[in-house]
């Protein structure tokens, strides 16, 4: 396995074909049926994406919360500007980010109160690093993924784990396509620096 192959498989542009009917009108009497269809279409892959970020058990709750939030905010969805997939993954990513922040804050609060040892925070960081480990990534670079900025990490994971195209990632995060591409380029470069021959990778 070469360094280039590893990083390109993680962050390369692989736009999947957009499913038919993925820009539904989420208004009117058929809205419940549309949401049921969206759930059937996207819930399973979304759970896999979230499980890698927050763990399988919490992913169940976040998938449910994603679709509940989407239903409540259905009036804000404009099919002319984004596919439903990008919209839903944007919500899911925000919820995952919020969950991780709350978990870290809770651990820090208990450390300050003297109820937990500081090592618990280090253990939590290790669990986060394990969560961002995937079959396409070497375990040695998993902590580096965890240490990425939120913006870079979201772009990387939406691309590599959720399978979103650069356009879909831009729609999901509400950022320009050019920003998505520049972040992916930066992440590729960082991962290549880490995956050197001295770290056990073949170099062609």
N, C-alpha and C. Protein backbone atom coordinates (compact mmCIF):
# COMPACT_ATOMS: atom_id res chain seq x y z
N UNK A 1 0.85 -1.20 0.00
CA UNK A 1 0.00 0.00 0.00
C UNK A 1 0.88 1.23 0.00
N UNK A 2 0.69 2.12 -0.93
CA UNK A 2 1.46 3.35 -0.99
C UNK A 2 0.78 4.43 -0.20
N UNK A 3 1.57 5.47 0.14
CA UNK A 3 1.01 6.61 0.85
C UNK A 3 -0.04 7.30 0.02
N UNK A 4 0.26 7.46 -1.27
CA UNK A 4 -0.69 8.14 -2.15
C UNK A 4 -2.00 7.39 -2.23
N UNK A 5 -1.93 6.07 -2.34
CA UNK A 5 -3.16 5.28 -2.42
C UNK A 5 -4.00 5.44 -1.17
N UNK A 6 -3.31 5.46 0.01
CA UNK A 6 -4.04 5.56 1.27
C UNK A 6 -4.80 6.86 1.36
N UNK A 7 -4.09 7.97 1.10
CA UNK A 7 -4.73 9.27 1.29
C UNK A 7 -5.73 9.57 0.19
N UNK A 8 -5.45 9.14 -1.02
CA UNK A 8 -6.41 9.41 -2.08
C UNK A 8 -7.70 8.66 -1.85
N UNK A 9 -7.61 7.41 -1.31
CA UNK A 9 -8.83 6.64 -1.07
C UNK A 9 -9.64 7.24 0.04
N UNK A 10 -8.97 7.99 0.95
CA UNK A 10 -9.69 8.63 2.04
C UNK A 10 -10.38 9.89 1.57
N UNK A 11 -9.65 10.74 0.85
CA UNK A 11 -10.16 12.07 0.60
C UNK A 11 -10.40 12.37 -0.86
N UNK A 12 -10.30 11.39 -1.74
CA UNK A 12 -10.51 11.65 -3.14
C UNK A 12 -11.94 11.98 -3.47
N UNK A 13 -12.11 12.66 -4.60
CA UNK A 13 -13.47 13.02 -5.03
C UNK A 13 -14.11 11.79 -5.66
N UNK A 14 -15.19 11.33 -5.06
CA UNK A 14 -15.90 10.16 -5.58
C UNK A 14 -17.39 10.47 -5.57
N UNK A 15 -17.84 11.38 -6.43
CA UNK A 15 -19.25 11.76 -6.37
C UNK A 15 -20.16 10.61 -6.76
N UNK A 16 -21.00 10.13 -5.86
CA UNK A 16 -21.94 9.06 -6.19
C UNK A 16 -23.10 9.60 -6.99
N UNK A 17 -23.75 8.77 -7.76
CA UNK A 17 -24.92 9.25 -8.49
C UNK A 17 -26.01 9.65 -7.52
N UNK A 18 -26.65 10.77 -7.82
CA UNK A 18 -27.72 11.24 -6.96
C UNK A 18 -28.97 10.40 -7.18
N UNK A 19 -29.54 9.82 -6.13
CA UNK A 19 -30.73 8.98 -6.28
C UNK A 19 -31.89 9.77 -6.87
N UNK A 20 -32.69 9.10 -7.62
CA UNK A 20 -33.89 9.73 -8.14
C UNK A 20 -34.79 10.13 -6.98
N UNK A 21 -35.35 11.30 -7.07
CA UNK A 21 -36.27 11.75 -6.04
C UNK A 21 -35.59 12.20 -4.77
N UNK A 22 -34.28 12.54 -4.82
CA UNK A 22 -33.60 12.98 -3.61
C UNK A 22 -33.70 14.49 -3.43
N UNK A 23 -34.56 15.13 -4.18
CA UNK A 23 -34.89 16.54 -3.98
C UNK A 23 -36.41 16.67 -3.82
N UNK A 24 -36.95 16.04 -2.79
CA UNK A 24 -38.41 16.01 -2.64
C UNK A 24 -38.97 17.34 -2.15
N UNK A 25 -40.24 17.52 -2.37
CA UNK A 25 -40.96 18.64 -1.78
C UNK A 25 -41.45 18.19 -0.40
N UNK A 26 -40.89 18.77 0.65
CA UNK A 26 -41.23 18.34 2.00
C UNK A 26 -42.36 19.18 2.58
N UNK A 27 -43.36 19.37 1.77
CA UNK A 27 -44.55 20.09 2.19
C UNK A 27 -45.77 19.35 1.67
N UNK A 28 -46.92 19.72 2.19
CA UNK A 28 -48.15 19.13 1.69
C UNK A 28 -48.53 17.85 2.39
N UNK A 29 -49.60 17.23 1.95
CA UNK A 29 -50.14 16.04 2.63
C UNK A 29 -49.25 14.81 2.53
N UNK A 30 -48.32 14.78 1.57
CA UNK A 30 -47.48 13.59 1.38
C UNK A 30 -46.16 13.68 2.14
N UNK A 31 -46.01 14.69 3.01
CA UNK A 31 -44.72 14.90 3.66
C UNK A 31 -44.31 13.71 4.53
N UNK A 32 -45.27 13.07 5.19
CA UNK A 32 -44.94 11.92 6.04
C UNK A 32 -44.39 10.78 5.20
N UNK A 33 -44.99 10.56 4.03
CA UNK A 33 -44.51 9.50 3.14
C UNK A 33 -43.11 9.82 2.62
N UNK A 34 -42.86 11.10 2.33
CA UNK A 34 -41.54 11.50 1.84
C UNK A 34 -40.48 11.26 2.90
N UNK A 35 -40.79 11.59 4.15
CA UNK A 35 -39.82 11.38 5.22
C UNK A 35 -39.60 9.89 5.47
N UNK A 36 -40.64 9.10 5.34
CA UNK A 36 -40.48 7.65 5.49
C UNK A 36 -39.55 7.11 4.41
N UNK A 37 -39.72 7.61 3.19
CA UNK A 37 -38.85 7.18 2.09
C UNK A 37 -37.41 7.61 2.33
N UNK A 38 -37.22 8.86 2.78
CA UNK A 38 -35.88 9.35 3.06
C UNK A 38 -35.21 8.54 4.17
N UNK A 39 -36.00 8.19 5.18
CA UNK A 39 -35.45 7.38 6.27
C UNK A 39 -35.00 6.02 5.75
N UNK A 40 -35.84 5.37 4.96
CA UNK A 40 -35.49 4.06 4.41
C UNK A 40 -34.24 4.14 3.54
N UNK A 41 -34.08 5.25 2.84
CA UNK A 41 -32.98 5.40 1.90
C UNK A 41 -31.66 5.76 2.59
N UNK A 42 -31.72 6.58 3.63
CA UNK A 42 -30.49 7.15 4.19
C UNK A 42 -30.15 6.72 5.61
N UNK A 43 -31.08 6.13 6.35
CA UNK A 43 -30.83 5.86 7.77
C UNK A 43 -29.67 4.90 8.00
N UNK A 44 -29.63 3.80 7.24
CA UNK A 44 -28.58 2.80 7.46
C UNK A 44 -27.18 3.33 7.17
N UNK A 45 -26.94 3.95 6.00
CA UNK A 45 -25.60 4.50 5.78
C UNK A 45 -25.27 5.64 6.73
N UNK A 46 -26.28 6.41 7.13
CA UNK A 46 -26.03 7.48 8.09
C UNK A 46 -25.61 6.91 9.44
N UNK A 47 -26.22 5.80 9.83
CA UNK A 47 -25.83 5.16 11.09
C UNK A 47 -24.38 4.70 11.04
N UNK A 48 -23.96 4.14 9.92
CA UNK A 48 -22.57 3.70 9.79
C UNK A 48 -21.62 4.89 9.92
N UNK A 49 -21.98 5.99 9.28
CA UNK A 49 -21.16 7.21 9.35
C UNK A 49 -21.08 7.72 10.78
N UNK A 50 -22.21 7.82 11.46
CA UNK A 50 -22.23 8.34 12.83
C UNK A 50 -21.57 7.39 13.81
N UNK A 51 -21.71 6.09 13.59
CA UNK A 51 -21.10 5.12 14.50
C UNK A 51 -19.59 5.27 14.52
N UNK A 52 -19.00 5.60 13.40
CA UNK A 52 -17.56 5.81 13.35
C UNK A 52 -17.15 7.08 14.08
N UNK A 53 -18.08 8.00 14.20
CA UNK A 53 -17.76 9.28 14.86
C UNK A 53 -18.06 9.25 16.35
N UNK A 54 -19.15 8.60 16.76
CA UNK A 54 -19.56 8.69 18.17
C UNK A 54 -19.81 7.34 18.81
N UNK A 55 -19.66 6.24 18.07
CA UNK A 55 -19.95 4.92 18.61
C UNK A 55 -21.32 4.45 18.20
N UNK A 56 -21.48 3.14 18.10
CA UNK A 56 -22.71 2.55 17.55
C UNK A 56 -23.94 2.87 18.38
N UNK A 57 -23.81 2.80 19.71
CA UNK A 57 -24.99 3.02 20.56
C UNK A 57 -25.51 4.44 20.43
N UNK A 58 -24.62 5.41 20.52
CA UNK A 58 -25.05 6.80 20.40
C UNK A 58 -25.53 7.12 18.99
N UNK A 59 -24.99 6.41 18.01
CA UNK A 59 -25.39 6.66 16.62
C UNK A 59 -26.87 6.41 16.42
N UNK A 60 -27.43 5.40 17.09
CA UNK A 60 -28.87 5.14 16.98
C UNK A 60 -29.66 6.38 17.37
N UNK A 61 -29.29 6.97 18.51
CA UNK A 61 -30.01 8.15 18.99
C UNK A 61 -29.83 9.33 18.04
N UNK A 62 -28.63 9.49 17.50
CA UNK A 62 -28.37 10.64 16.63
C UNK A 62 -29.08 10.50 15.29
N UNK A 63 -29.21 9.28 14.78
CA UNK A 63 -29.99 9.10 13.55
C UNK A 63 -31.43 9.53 13.79
N UNK A 64 -32.01 9.07 14.89
CA UNK A 64 -33.40 9.45 15.20
C UNK A 64 -33.52 10.96 15.37
N UNK A 65 -32.54 11.54 16.07
CA UNK A 65 -32.59 12.99 16.30
C UNK A 65 -32.41 13.76 15.00
N UNK A 66 -31.60 13.21 14.10
CA UNK A 66 -31.40 13.86 12.80
C UNK A 66 -32.72 13.97 12.04
N UNK A 67 -33.45 12.88 11.96
CA UNK A 67 -34.70 12.90 11.19
C UNK A 67 -35.78 13.69 11.92
N UNK A 68 -35.77 13.67 13.24
CA UNK A 68 -36.72 14.49 13.99
C UNK A 68 -36.43 15.96 13.77
N UNK A 69 -35.16 16.34 13.82
CA UNK A 69 -34.78 17.73 13.56
C UNK A 69 -35.14 18.12 12.14
N UNK A 70 -34.87 17.23 11.19
CA UNK A 70 -35.19 17.52 9.80
C UNK A 70 -36.68 17.74 9.62
N UNK A 71 -37.49 16.92 10.27
CA UNK A 71 -38.94 17.08 10.14
C UNK A 71 -39.38 18.43 10.71
N UNK A 72 -38.82 18.79 11.85
CA UNK A 72 -39.19 20.06 12.47
C UNK A 72 -38.74 21.25 11.64
N UNK A 73 -37.63 21.07 10.92
CA UNK A 73 -37.07 22.16 10.13
C UNK A 73 -37.36 22.00 8.64
N UNK A 74 -38.36 21.21 8.30
CA UNK A 74 -38.62 20.90 6.89
C UNK A 74 -38.93 22.13 6.06
N UNK A 75 -39.46 23.17 6.69
CA UNK A 75 -39.77 24.39 5.94
C UNK A 75 -38.51 25.10 5.48
N UNK A 76 -37.36 24.78 6.10
CA UNK A 76 -36.11 25.44 5.71
C UNK A 76 -35.42 24.72 4.55
N UNK A 77 -35.91 23.55 4.18
CA UNK A 77 -35.27 22.80 3.11
C UNK A 77 -35.73 23.30 1.76
N UNK A 78 -34.77 23.60 0.90
CA UNK A 78 -35.07 24.07 -0.45
C UNK A 78 -34.48 23.08 -1.45
N UNK A 79 -35.32 22.28 -2.11
CA UNK A 79 -34.80 21.29 -3.06
C UNK A 79 -34.07 21.90 -4.23
N UNK A 80 -34.25 23.20 -4.45
CA UNK A 80 -33.57 23.85 -5.56
C UNK A 80 -32.09 24.10 -5.25
N UNK A 81 -31.72 24.09 -3.98
CA UNK A 81 -30.34 24.42 -3.61
C UNK A 81 -29.53 23.23 -3.11
N UNK A 82 -30.18 22.16 -2.67
CA UNK A 82 -29.43 21.02 -2.15
C UNK A 82 -30.27 19.76 -2.21
N UNK A 83 -29.58 18.63 -2.39
CA UNK A 83 -30.26 17.34 -2.31
C UNK A 83 -30.57 17.03 -0.85
N UNK A 84 -31.58 16.22 -0.64
CA UNK A 84 -31.97 15.87 0.73
C UNK A 84 -30.83 15.16 1.46
N UNK A 85 -30.06 14.36 0.74
CA UNK A 85 -28.93 13.66 1.37
C UNK A 85 -27.96 14.64 2.01
N UNK A 86 -27.57 15.67 1.27
CA UNK A 86 -26.64 16.66 1.82
C UNK A 86 -27.25 17.39 3.00
N UNK A 87 -28.51 17.75 2.89
CA UNK A 87 -29.21 18.44 3.98
C UNK A 87 -29.23 17.58 5.24
N UNK A 88 -29.58 16.31 5.10
CA UNK A 88 -29.66 15.41 6.26
C UNK A 88 -28.28 15.19 6.89
N UNK A 89 -27.26 15.00 6.06
CA UNK A 89 -25.93 14.77 6.61
C UNK A 89 -25.37 16.03 7.26
N UNK A 90 -25.79 17.19 6.80
CA UNK A 90 -25.40 18.42 7.48
C UNK A 90 -25.95 18.46 8.89
N UNK A 91 -27.22 18.08 9.05
CA UNK A 91 -27.84 18.02 10.37
C UNK A 91 -27.14 16.98 11.23
N UNK A 92 -26.90 15.80 10.68
CA UNK A 92 -26.26 14.72 11.43
C UNK A 92 -24.86 15.11 11.90
N UNK A 93 -24.11 15.79 11.04
CA UNK A 93 -22.76 16.20 11.39
C UNK A 93 -22.77 17.22 12.52
N UNK A 94 -23.69 18.17 12.47
CA UNK A 94 -23.81 19.15 13.55
C UNK A 94 -24.15 18.48 14.87
N UNK A 95 -25.05 17.50 14.83
CA UNK A 95 -25.43 16.80 16.06
C UNK A 95 -24.26 15.98 16.61
N UNK A 96 -23.51 15.32 15.73
CA UNK A 96 -22.35 14.55 16.19
C UNK A 96 -21.30 15.47 16.81
N UNK A 97 -21.08 16.60 16.18
CA UNK A 97 -20.11 17.56 16.71
C UNK A 97 -20.54 18.05 18.08
N UNK A 98 -21.82 18.36 18.22
CA UNK A 98 -22.32 18.85 19.51
C UNK A 98 -22.20 17.78 20.58
N UNK A 99 -22.48 16.53 20.22
CA UNK A 99 -22.38 15.44 21.20
C UNK A 99 -20.96 15.29 21.71
N UNK A 100 -19.98 15.31 20.81
CA UNK A 100 -18.59 15.16 21.22
C UNK A 100 -18.17 16.31 22.12
N UNK A 101 -18.58 17.52 21.77
CA UNK A 101 -18.24 18.67 22.61
C UNK A 101 -18.82 18.52 24.01
N UNK A 102 -20.07 18.10 24.08
CA UNK A 102 -20.71 17.94 25.39
C UNK A 102 -20.03 16.85 26.21
N UNK A 103 -19.62 15.77 25.54
CA UNK A 103 -18.95 14.68 26.24
C UNK A 103 -17.62 15.15 26.82
N UNK A 104 -16.87 15.92 26.03
CA UNK A 104 -15.58 16.43 26.51
C UNK A 104 -15.79 17.42 27.64
N UNK A 105 -16.77 18.32 27.49
CA UNK A 105 -17.04 19.29 28.57
C UNK A 105 -17.44 18.58 29.85
N UNK A 106 -18.25 17.54 29.74
CA UNK A 106 -18.67 16.81 30.92
C UNK A 106 -17.50 16.16 31.64
N UNK A 107 -16.59 15.58 30.88
CA UNK A 107 -15.41 14.97 31.49
C UNK A 107 -14.54 16.01 32.17
N UNK A 108 -14.37 17.16 31.52
CA UNK A 108 -13.55 18.21 32.12
C UNK A 108 -14.18 18.73 33.40
N UNK A 109 -15.51 18.84 33.41
CA UNK A 109 -16.20 19.33 34.60
C UNK A 109 -16.01 18.37 35.77
N UNK A 110 -16.10 17.07 35.49
CA UNK A 110 -15.94 16.11 36.58
C UNK A 110 -14.50 16.07 37.08
N UNK A 111 -13.54 16.32 36.18
CA UNK A 111 -12.14 16.39 36.61
C UNK A 111 -11.95 17.58 37.53
N UNK A 112 -12.51 18.74 37.16
CA UNK A 112 -12.38 19.93 38.00
C UNK A 112 -13.04 19.72 39.35
N UNK A 113 -14.13 18.96 39.37
CA UNK A 113 -14.84 18.72 40.63
C UNK A 113 -14.17 17.64 41.47
N UNK A 114 -13.14 17.01 40.92
CA UNK A 114 -12.41 16.00 41.67
C UNK A 114 -13.06 14.64 41.67
N UNK A 115 -14.05 14.44 40.81
CA UNK A 115 -14.74 13.16 40.79
C UNK A 115 -14.13 12.18 39.80
N UNK A 116 -13.30 12.68 38.89
CA UNK A 116 -12.65 11.81 37.92
C UNK A 116 -11.17 12.15 37.86
N UNK A 117 -10.38 11.21 37.46
CA UNK A 117 -8.96 11.44 37.31
C UNK A 117 -8.68 12.10 35.97
N UNK A 118 -7.63 12.94 35.90
CA UNK A 118 -7.27 13.55 34.61
C UNK A 118 -7.01 12.52 33.53
N UNK A 119 -6.59 11.32 33.93
CA UNK A 119 -6.33 10.28 32.92
C UNK A 119 -7.59 9.92 32.14
N UNK A 120 -8.77 10.20 32.73
CA UNK A 120 -10.02 9.90 32.03
C UNK A 120 -10.12 10.69 30.74
N UNK A 121 -9.63 11.94 30.77
CA UNK A 121 -9.65 12.75 29.55
C UNK A 121 -8.75 12.13 28.49
N UNK A 122 -7.58 11.68 28.90
CA UNK A 122 -6.69 11.03 27.95
C UNK A 122 -7.33 9.77 27.39
N UNK A 123 -8.01 9.02 28.26
CA UNK A 123 -8.70 7.81 27.80
C UNK A 123 -9.79 8.16 26.81
N UNK A 124 -10.52 9.26 27.08
CA UNK A 124 -11.56 9.69 26.15
C UNK A 124 -10.96 10.05 24.80
N UNK A 125 -9.83 10.78 24.83
CA UNK A 125 -9.18 11.14 23.57
C UNK A 125 -8.79 9.88 22.80
N UNK A 126 -8.37 8.83 23.52
CA UNK A 126 -8.03 7.59 22.85
C UNK A 126 -9.24 6.94 22.22
N UNK A 127 -10.38 7.02 22.91
CA UNK A 127 -11.61 6.44 22.34
C UNK A 127 -12.03 7.21 21.10
N UNK A 128 -11.90 8.52 21.14
CA UNK A 128 -12.25 9.32 19.96
C UNK A 128 -11.35 8.94 18.80
N UNK A 129 -10.07 8.77 19.07
CA UNK A 129 -9.13 8.37 18.02
C UNK A 129 -9.52 7.02 17.43
N UNK A 130 -9.95 6.10 18.28
CA UNK A 130 -10.36 4.79 17.79
C UNK A 130 -11.61 4.90 16.93
N UNK A 131 -12.53 5.82 17.30
CA UNK A 131 -13.76 5.97 16.54
C UNK A 131 -13.49 6.44 15.12
N UNK A 132 -12.46 7.25 14.95
CA UNK A 132 -12.19 7.77 13.62
C UNK A 132 -11.28 6.85 12.82
N UNK A 133 -11.02 5.66 13.34
CA UNK A 133 -10.23 4.69 12.61
C UNK A 133 -11.13 3.95 11.65
N UNK A 134 -10.71 3.77 10.42
CA UNK A 134 -11.51 3.07 9.42
C UNK A 134 -10.64 2.08 8.68
N UNK A 135 -11.30 1.18 7.93
CA UNK A 135 -10.55 0.16 7.21
C UNK A 135 -9.60 0.77 6.20
N UNK A 136 -9.94 1.92 5.64
CA UNK A 136 -9.10 2.55 4.63
C UNK A 136 -7.99 3.38 5.23
N UNK A 137 -7.92 3.46 6.55
CA UNK A 137 -6.88 4.25 7.21
C UNK A 137 -5.97 3.35 8.01
N UNK A 138 -4.71 3.65 8.03
CA UNK A 138 -3.80 2.94 8.92
C UNK A 138 -4.05 3.42 10.34
N UNK A 139 -3.94 2.51 11.30
CA UNK A 139 -4.20 2.86 12.69
C UNK A 139 -3.24 3.93 13.19
N UNK A 140 -2.06 4.00 12.63
CA UNK A 140 -1.09 4.97 13.10
C UNK A 140 -1.54 6.40 12.87
N UNK A 141 -2.40 6.64 11.88
CA UNK A 141 -2.81 8.02 11.62
C UNK A 141 -4.17 8.34 12.21
N UNK A 142 -4.80 7.39 12.91
CA UNK A 142 -6.10 7.66 13.51
C UNK A 142 -6.06 8.82 14.49
N UNK A 143 -5.05 8.90 15.38
CA UNK A 143 -5.00 10.06 16.28
C UNK A 143 -4.88 11.38 15.53
N UNK A 144 -4.21 11.36 14.38
CA UNK A 144 -4.08 12.58 13.60
C UNK A 144 -5.43 13.03 13.07
N UNK A 145 -6.29 12.08 12.70
CA UNK A 145 -7.63 12.44 12.25
C UNK A 145 -8.39 13.10 13.39
N UNK A 146 -8.25 12.54 14.58
CA UNK A 146 -8.95 13.11 15.74
C UNK A 146 -8.46 14.51 16.05
N UNK A 147 -7.19 14.80 15.71
CA UNK A 147 -6.61 16.10 16.03
C UNK A 147 -6.87 17.15 14.96
N UNK A 148 -7.50 16.78 13.86
CA UNK A 148 -7.83 17.77 12.83
C UNK A 148 -8.80 18.80 13.38
N UNK A 149 -8.81 19.97 12.78
CA UNK A 149 -9.82 20.95 13.14
C UNK A 149 -11.20 20.40 12.80
N UNK A 150 -12.23 20.93 13.45
CA UNK A 150 -13.59 20.43 13.19
C UNK A 150 -13.94 20.55 11.72
N UNK A 151 -13.59 21.67 11.11
CA UNK A 151 -13.94 21.88 9.71
C UNK A 151 -13.26 20.87 8.80
N UNK A 152 -11.96 20.66 9.01
CA UNK A 152 -11.23 19.69 8.18
C UNK A 152 -11.74 18.28 8.42
N UNK A 153 -12.00 17.94 9.68
CA UNK A 153 -12.47 16.59 9.99
C UNK A 153 -13.84 16.33 9.39
N UNK A 154 -14.74 17.31 9.48
CA UNK A 154 -16.08 17.13 8.92
C UNK A 154 -16.01 16.89 7.41
N UNK A 155 -15.19 17.67 6.72
CA UNK A 155 -15.06 17.51 5.28
C UNK A 155 -14.50 16.14 4.94
N UNK A 156 -13.46 15.73 5.66
CA UNK A 156 -12.84 14.43 5.40
C UNK A 156 -13.81 13.29 5.62
N UNK A 157 -14.51 13.30 6.75
CA UNK A 157 -15.36 12.16 7.09
C UNK A 157 -16.63 12.12 6.25
N UNK A 158 -17.18 13.28 5.90
CA UNK A 158 -18.34 13.28 5.01
C UNK A 158 -17.96 12.74 3.63
N UNK A 159 -16.73 13.03 3.21
CA UNK A 159 -16.28 12.54 1.91
C UNK A 159 -15.96 11.05 1.94
N UNK A 160 -15.19 10.63 2.95
CA UNK A 160 -14.68 9.26 2.96
C UNK A 160 -15.65 8.26 3.57
N UNK A 161 -16.41 8.66 4.58
CA UNK A 161 -17.30 7.72 5.27
C UNK A 161 -18.74 7.82 4.80
N UNK A 162 -19.21 9.05 4.58
CA UNK A 162 -20.59 9.20 4.12
C UNK A 162 -20.70 9.10 2.61
N UNK A 163 -19.57 9.22 1.90
CA UNK A 163 -19.58 9.08 0.46
C UNK A 163 -20.16 10.26 -0.28
N UNK A 164 -20.16 11.44 0.35
CA UNK A 164 -20.69 12.63 -0.30
C UNK A 164 -19.68 13.19 -1.29
N UNK A 165 -20.18 13.76 -2.37
CA UNK A 165 -19.33 14.45 -3.32
C UNK A 165 -18.93 15.80 -2.74
N UNK A 166 -17.98 16.48 -3.39
CA UNK A 166 -17.56 17.79 -2.90
C UNK A 166 -18.72 18.77 -2.90
N UNK A 167 -19.57 18.69 -3.90
CA UNK A 167 -20.74 19.58 -3.95
C UNK A 167 -21.69 19.27 -2.80
N UNK A 168 -21.92 17.99 -2.53
CA UNK A 168 -22.81 17.61 -1.44
C UNK A 168 -22.24 18.01 -0.08
N UNK A 169 -20.92 17.86 0.08
CA UNK A 169 -20.29 18.29 1.33
C UNK A 169 -20.45 19.80 1.51
N UNK A 170 -20.26 20.54 0.44
CA UNK A 170 -20.43 21.99 0.50
C UNK A 170 -21.86 22.34 0.91
N UNK A 171 -22.83 21.66 0.33
CA UNK A 171 -24.23 21.91 0.68
C UNK A 171 -24.50 21.52 2.13
N UNK A 172 -23.93 20.40 2.57
CA UNK A 172 -24.18 19.91 3.92
C UNK A 172 -23.64 20.87 4.97
N UNK A 173 -22.46 21.43 4.71
CA UNK A 173 -21.80 22.28 5.70
C UNK A 173 -22.04 23.77 5.47
N UNK A 174 -22.67 24.10 4.34
CA UNK A 174 -22.94 25.50 4.06
C UNK A 174 -21.69 26.30 3.75
N UNK A 175 -20.75 25.68 3.02
CA UNK A 175 -19.50 26.35 2.65
C UNK A 175 -19.30 26.23 1.15
N UNK A 176 -18.45 27.08 0.56
CA UNK A 176 -18.21 26.99 -0.88
C UNK A 176 -17.51 25.68 -1.27
N UNK A 177 -17.74 25.26 -2.49
CA UNK A 177 -17.09 24.05 -3.00
C UNK A 177 -15.57 24.21 -2.96
N UNK A 178 -15.10 25.41 -3.28
CA UNK A 178 -13.66 25.66 -3.24
C UNK A 178 -13.06 25.44 -1.87
N UNK A 179 -13.81 25.78 -0.83
CA UNK A 179 -13.34 25.56 0.54
C UNK A 179 -13.24 24.08 0.84
N UNK A 180 -14.23 23.31 0.37
CA UNK A 180 -14.18 21.86 0.55
C UNK A 180 -12.92 21.30 -0.09
N UNK A 181 -12.64 21.70 -1.31
CA UNK A 181 -11.48 21.17 -2.03
C UNK A 181 -10.18 21.57 -1.36
N UNK A 182 -10.09 22.81 -0.88
CA UNK A 182 -8.86 23.24 -0.22
C UNK A 182 -8.64 22.50 1.09
N UNK A 183 -9.73 22.22 1.81
CA UNK A 183 -9.60 21.46 3.06
C UNK A 183 -9.17 20.03 2.79
N UNK A 184 -9.75 19.42 1.75
CA UNK A 184 -9.34 18.06 1.40
C UNK A 184 -7.87 18.02 1.00
N UNK A 185 -7.43 19.03 0.25
CA UNK A 185 -6.02 19.08 -0.15
C UNK A 185 -5.12 19.20 1.07
N UNK A 186 -5.52 20.04 2.02
CA UNK A 186 -4.73 20.22 3.23
C UNK A 186 -4.66 18.92 4.04
N UNK A 187 -5.80 18.22 4.15
CA UNK A 187 -5.82 16.96 4.90
C UNK A 187 -4.96 15.92 4.21
N UNK A 188 -5.05 15.81 2.90
CA UNK A 188 -4.21 14.86 2.17
C UNK A 188 -2.73 15.11 2.47
N UNK A 189 -2.37 16.39 2.43
CA UNK A 189 -0.96 16.72 2.67
C UNK A 189 -0.54 16.34 4.09
N UNK A 190 -1.40 16.61 5.06
CA UNK A 190 -1.07 16.28 6.45
C UNK A 190 -0.93 14.76 6.63
N UNK A 191 -1.82 14.01 6.01
CA UNK A 191 -1.76 12.55 6.16
C UNK A 191 -0.53 11.98 5.46
N UNK A 192 -0.15 12.56 4.34
CA UNK A 192 1.05 12.07 3.64
C UNK A 192 2.30 12.33 4.47
N UNK A 193 2.35 13.47 5.16
CA UNK A 193 3.49 13.77 6.01
C UNK A 193 3.63 12.72 7.10
N UNK A 194 2.48 12.29 7.64
CA UNK A 194 2.51 11.32 8.74
C UNK A 194 2.85 9.92 8.27
N UNK A 195 2.36 9.56 7.08
CA UNK A 195 2.56 8.19 6.59
C UNK A 195 3.85 8.11 5.78
N UNK A 196 4.97 8.22 6.46
CA UNK A 196 6.29 8.16 5.83
C UNK A 196 6.79 6.72 5.83
N UNK A 197 7.83 6.41 5.03
CA UNK A 197 8.37 5.05 5.04
C UNK A 197 8.85 4.61 6.42
N UNK A 198 9.35 5.58 7.22
CA UNK A 198 9.84 5.23 8.55
C UNK A 198 8.73 4.73 9.45
N UNK A 199 7.48 5.03 9.10
CA UNK A 199 6.36 4.59 9.91
C UNK A 199 5.77 3.28 9.40
N UNK A 200 6.48 2.64 8.48
CA UNK A 200 6.07 1.29 8.11
C UNK A 200 5.24 1.22 6.84
N UNK A 201 5.25 2.29 6.04
CA UNK A 201 4.48 2.26 4.81
C UNK A 201 5.44 2.12 3.63
N UNK A 202 4.93 1.45 2.59
CA UNK A 202 5.71 1.33 1.36
C UNK A 202 5.68 2.65 0.64
N UNK A 203 6.77 3.01 0.05
CA UNK A 203 6.85 4.27 -0.68
C UNK A 203 7.28 3.98 -2.10
N UNK A 204 6.42 4.33 -3.05
CA UNK A 204 6.74 4.07 -4.44
C UNK A 204 7.40 5.29 -5.05
